[in-house]
Amino acid sequence: MEFLFRFIVGGLIVSLFSAMGGVLKPKSFAGLFSAAPSVALATLTLTIFKNGKPYASLESRSMIVGALSLFFYLALCSHLLMKYKIHAAMVTISGLALWLLCALGAWALVLR
């Protein structure tokens, strides 16, 4: 039953976010808006039904911390790739250190 719920809710939300992404410019945003938000919303909905709202609140804070850490990682990678033309594999792998630092730092400050 849980898989059916994830399939239906995830599909509906993916379609909604994909339609939003199709309206925005540039079109590359469509993929961004169709994947992550829909998975997060379906997961949070299931978490609310299974474990209650307080637990889902804690999980959503964790998702926000992860998203902010990912933002800083992506900003660093974009900057290094565009400005210095460094090889993509080296930039993305070395940038993981910043992501880990942000994620652990935010966990220590906010979630702990």
Protein backbone atom coordinates (compact mmCIF):
# COMPACT_ATOMS: atom_id res chain seq x y z
CA MET A 1 0.00 0.00 0.00
CA GLU A 2 2.87 2.35 0.84
CA PHE A 3 4.46 1.83 -2.57
CA LEU A 4 1.16 2.56 -4.30
CA PHE A 5 0.79 5.76 -2.27
CA ARG A 6 4.35 6.84 -3.13
CA PHE A 7 3.74 6.06 -6.79
CA ILE A 8 0.49 8.01 -7.02
CA VAL A 9 1.44 10.99 -4.85
CA GLY A 10 4.97 11.13 -6.24
CA GLY A 11 3.66 10.99 -9.81
CA LEU A 12 1.12 13.73 -9.21
CA ILE A 13 3.61 16.00 -7.51
CA VAL A 14 6.29 15.31 -10.14
CA SER A 15 3.77 16.28 -12.82
CA LEU A 16 2.86 19.47 -10.98
CA PHE A 17 6.46 20.55 -10.45
CA SER A 18 7.36 19.58 -14.00
CA ALA A 19 4.56 21.81 -15.29
CA MET A 20 5.89 24.65 -13.10
CA GLY A 21 9.40 24.05 -14.42
CA GLY A 22 8.14 24.10 -18.00
CA VAL A 23 6.78 27.60 -17.51
CA LEU A 24 10.00 29.00 -16.05
CA LYS A 25 13.00 30.13 -18.05
CA PRO A 26 15.50 28.55 -18.71
CA LYS A 27 13.97 25.17 -19.43
CA SER A 28 16.72 23.42 -17.46
CA PHE A 29 14.77 24.28 -14.30
CA ALA A 30 12.11 21.74 -15.30
CA GLY A 31 14.26 18.81 -14.20
CA LEU A 32 15.19 20.53 -10.99
CA PHE A 33 11.58 21.18 -10.06
CA SER A 34 10.32 17.75 -11.07
CA ALA A 35 12.54 15.54 -8.94
CA ALA A 36 13.60 16.61 -5.46
CA PRO A 37 10.53 18.50 -4.20
CA SER A 38 8.16 15.73 -5.17
CA VAL A 39 10.20 13.03 -3.47
CA ALA A 40 10.55 15.14 -0.33
CA LEU A 41 6.82 15.92 -0.16
CA ALA A 42 5.82 12.28 -0.68
CA THR A 43 8.28 11.16 1.99
CA LEU A 44 7.08 13.79 4.47
CA THR A 45 3.45 12.85 3.85
CA LEU A 46 4.20 9.19 4.57
CA THR A 47 6.20 10.16 7.64
CA ILE A 48 3.27 12.17 9.00
CA PHE A 49 0.93 9.21 8.58
CA LYS A 50 3.37 6.68 10.05
CA ASN A 51 5.14 8.61 12.82
CA GLY A 52 3.16 11.78 13.42
CA LYS A 53 3.72 15.47 12.90
CA PRO A 54 6.48 16.04 15.50
CA TYR A 55 8.71 13.42 13.89
CA ALA A 56 7.94 14.77 10.42
CA SER A 57 8.89 18.24 11.64
CA LEU A 58 12.29 16.95 12.73
CA GLU A 59 12.75 15.21 9.40
CA SER A 60 11.82 18.35 7.48
CA ARG A 61 14.42 20.35 9.40
CA SER A 62 16.97 17.74 8.39
CA MET A 63 15.89 18.11 4.76
CA ILE A 64 16.28 21.88 4.97
CA VAL A 65 19.79 21.55 6.42
CA GLY A 66 20.68 19.10 3.66
CA ALA A 67 19.29 21.42 1.00
CA LEU A 68 21.25 24.41 2.32
CA SER A 69 24.44 22.35 2.44
CA LEU A 70 23.79 21.22 -1.13
CA PHE A 71 23.24 24.85 -2.17
CA PHE A 72 26.67 25.89 -0.85
CA TYR A 73 28.28 22.86 -2.51
CA LEU A 74 26.64 23.68 -5.84
CA ALA A 75 27.54 27.37 -5.59
CA LEU A 76 31.20 26.48 -5.00
CA CYS A 77 31.26 23.94 -7.83
CA SER A 78 29.57 26.34 -10.25
CA HIS A 79 31.97 29.13 -9.38
CA LEU A 80 35.08 26.98 -9.77
CA LEU A 81 33.90 25.40 -13.01
CA MET A 82 32.87 28.65 -14.67
CA LYS A 83 35.62 30.97 -13.50
CA TYR A 84 38.69 28.71 -13.36
CA LYS A 85 37.72 25.99 -15.88
CA ILE A 86 38.94 23.22 -13.55
CA HIS A 87 38.15 19.60 -14.45
CA ALA A 88 34.61 18.72 -13.34
CA ALA A 89 35.54 15.51 -11.51
CA MET A 90 38.16 17.27 -9.41
CA VAL A 91 35.82 20.14 -8.54
CA THR A 92 32.86 17.98 -7.59
CA ILE A 93 34.86 15.48 -5.55
CA SER A 94 36.88 18.11 -3.69
CA GLY A 95 33.72 20.20 -3.15
CA LEU A 96 32.23 17.37 -1.12
CA ALA A 97 34.43 18.50 1.75
CA LEU A 98 32.50 21.81 1.86
CA TRP A 99 29.19 19.97 1.73
CA LEU A 100 30.26 17.74 4.62
CA LEU A 101 31.48 20.71 6.63
CA CYS A 102 28.20 22.59 6.07
CA ALA A 103 26.04 19.57 6.84
CA LEU A 104 27.89 18.62 10.02
CA GLY A 105 28.15 22.23 11.16
CA ALA A 106 24.43 22.82 10.66
CA TRP A 107 23.65 19.54 12.40
CA ALA A 108 25.76 20.57 15.39
CA LEU A 109 24.17 24.03 15.57
CA VAL A 110 20.55 23.38 14.61
CA LEU A 111 19.57 19.76 14.84
CA ARG A 112 21.46 18.56 17.87
